[in-house]
Protein backbone atom coordinates (compact mmCIF):
# COMPACT_ATOMS: atom_id res chain seq x y z
CA MET A 1 -3.33 21.11 11.91
CA LYS A 2 -4.44 18.60 14.51
CA VAL A 3 -6.93 17.04 12.09
CA SER A 4 -4.19 16.34 9.54
CA GLN A 5 -2.06 14.64 12.20
CA ILE A 6 -4.90 12.36 13.26
CA ALA A 7 -5.86 11.59 9.66
CA ALA A 8 -2.29 10.77 8.63
CA LYS A 9 -1.61 8.54 11.61
CA ALA A 10 -4.96 6.76 11.31
CA ILE A 11 -4.76 6.07 7.59
CA VAL A 12 -1.20 4.74 7.85
CA ARG A 13 -2.24 2.40 10.64
CA VAL A 14 -5.26 1.22 8.65
CA PHE A 15 -2.98 0.61 5.66
CA PHE A 16 -0.58 -1.53 7.68
CA VAL A 17 -3.43 -3.52 9.24
CA LEU A 18 -4.94 -4.17 5.81
CA LEU A 19 -1.52 -5.14 4.48
CA LEU A 20 -1.08 -7.67 7.29
CA MET A 21 -4.58 -9.04 6.69
CA ALA A 22 -3.82 -9.44 2.99
CA LEU A 23 -0.71 -11.45 3.79
CA ILE A 24 -2.59 -14.05 5.84
CA PRO A 25 -3.42 -16.34 2.87
CA PHE A 26 0.21 -16.27 1.76
CA VAL A 27 1.64 -17.33 5.12
CA LYS A 28 -1.15 -19.73 6.03
CA GLY A 29 0.87 -22.67 4.78
CA ASP A 30 -1.25 -23.96 1.89
CA ASP A 31 0.64 -22.57 -1.07
CA THR A 32 -0.28 -25.16 -3.71
CA HIS A 33 -2.60 -22.76 -5.49
CA LEU A 34 0.07 -20.04 -5.38
CA SER A 35 2.86 -22.18 -6.85
CA HIS A 36 1.51 -21.91 -10.40
CA LEU A 37 0.82 -18.18 -10.28
CA TYR A 38 3.01 -16.10 -12.58
CA LEU A 39 2.45 -12.38 -12.91
CA MET A 40 4.24 -10.95 -15.90
CA PRO A 41 3.17 -7.58 -17.30
CA LYS A 42 3.12 -7.20 -21.06
CA ASN A 43 5.08 -3.99 -20.80
CA MET A 44 7.59 -3.38 -18.03
CA TRP A 45 6.76 0.33 -18.00
CA THR A 46 3.42 -0.51 -16.39
CA LEU A 47 5.35 -1.14 -13.18
CA ALA A 48 6.81 2.38 -13.12
CA PHE A 49 3.84 4.10 -11.50
CA PRO A 50 3.23 1.52 -8.75
CA ILE A 51 6.93 1.67 -7.90
CA LEU A 52 6.78 5.48 -7.78
CA LEU A 53 3.69 5.25 -5.60
CA ILE A 54 5.43 2.94 -3.13
CA ILE A 55 8.60 5.06 -3.09
CA GLY A 56 6.48 8.17 -2.53
CA PHE A 57 4.65 6.48 0.36
CA VAL A 58 7.89 5.47 2.05
CA ALA A 59 9.43 8.91 1.54
CA LEU A 60 6.37 10.74 2.86
CA LEU A 61 6.09 8.37 5.81
CA VAL A 62 9.73 8.95 6.75
CA ILE A 63 9.49 12.72 6.30
CA CYS A 64 6.27 12.99 8.30
CA SER A 65 7.69 10.79 11.04
CA LEU A 66 10.88 12.82 11.29
CA LYS A 67 8.92 16.08 11.46
CA LYS A 68 6.52 14.47 13.98
CA TYR A 69 3.50 15.14 11.74
CA GLN A 70 3.76 18.92 12.26
CA LYS A 71 3.47 19.92 8.58
CA ALA A 72 -0.17 19.82 7.50
CA ASP A 73 0.53 19.75 3.76
CA LEU A 74 2.85 16.76 4.09
CA ASN A 75 0.28 14.99 6.24
CA TRP A 76 -2.44 15.45 3.63
CA LEU A 77 -0.09 14.30 0.88
CA LEU A 78 0.60 11.18 2.93
CA VAL A 79 -3.13 10.59 3.38
CA LEU A 80 -3.78 10.97 -0.35
CA ASN A 81 -0.85 8.76 -1.31
CA THR A 82 -1.95 6.09 1.16
CA PHE A 83 -5.53 6.10 -0.16
CA ILE A 84 -4.29 5.64 -3.72
CA LEU A 85 -1.87 2.93 -2.59
CA MET A 86 -4.65 1.09 -0.75
CA ALA A 87 -6.86 1.23 -3.84
CA TYR A 88 -4.05 -0.14 -6.00
CA ALA A 89 -3.23 -2.87 -3.48
CA ALA A 90 -6.90 -3.87 -3.24
CA THR A 91 -7.23 -4.22 -7.00
CA LEU A 92 -4.01 -6.23 -7.16
CA TYR A 93 -5.13 -8.45 -4.27
CA PHE A 94 -8.52 -9.16 -5.87
CA ARG A 95 -6.88 -9.91 -9.21
CA ILE A 96 -4.50 -12.41 -7.61
CA TYR A 97 -7.41 -13.89 -5.64
CA GLN A 98 -9.35 -14.41 -8.89
CA LEU A 99 -6.37 -16.09 -10.52
CA THR A 100 -5.88 -18.50 -7.64
CA ARG A 101 -9.51 -19.63 -7.33
């Protein structure tokens, strides 16, 4: 069970560090290339799964934090959810980066 605690805490910290690093271009001050960026999905249902993924991440993070990372199955679910969320965020970040350059 100790391995799941370390994995869950480490992957959540890596996720937050990557999220902060991804926000650097947006808060840098030069937002002229971002002012003409409009992201509009063709079908609004395509946003359902990313929203569920984010809600699941927040829920698992809160549950694991309240239980002090003592439940191994919840820890591994948090690790899996965070990996998938990082992959989705990376693809979204690179797509926005391509649109702005």
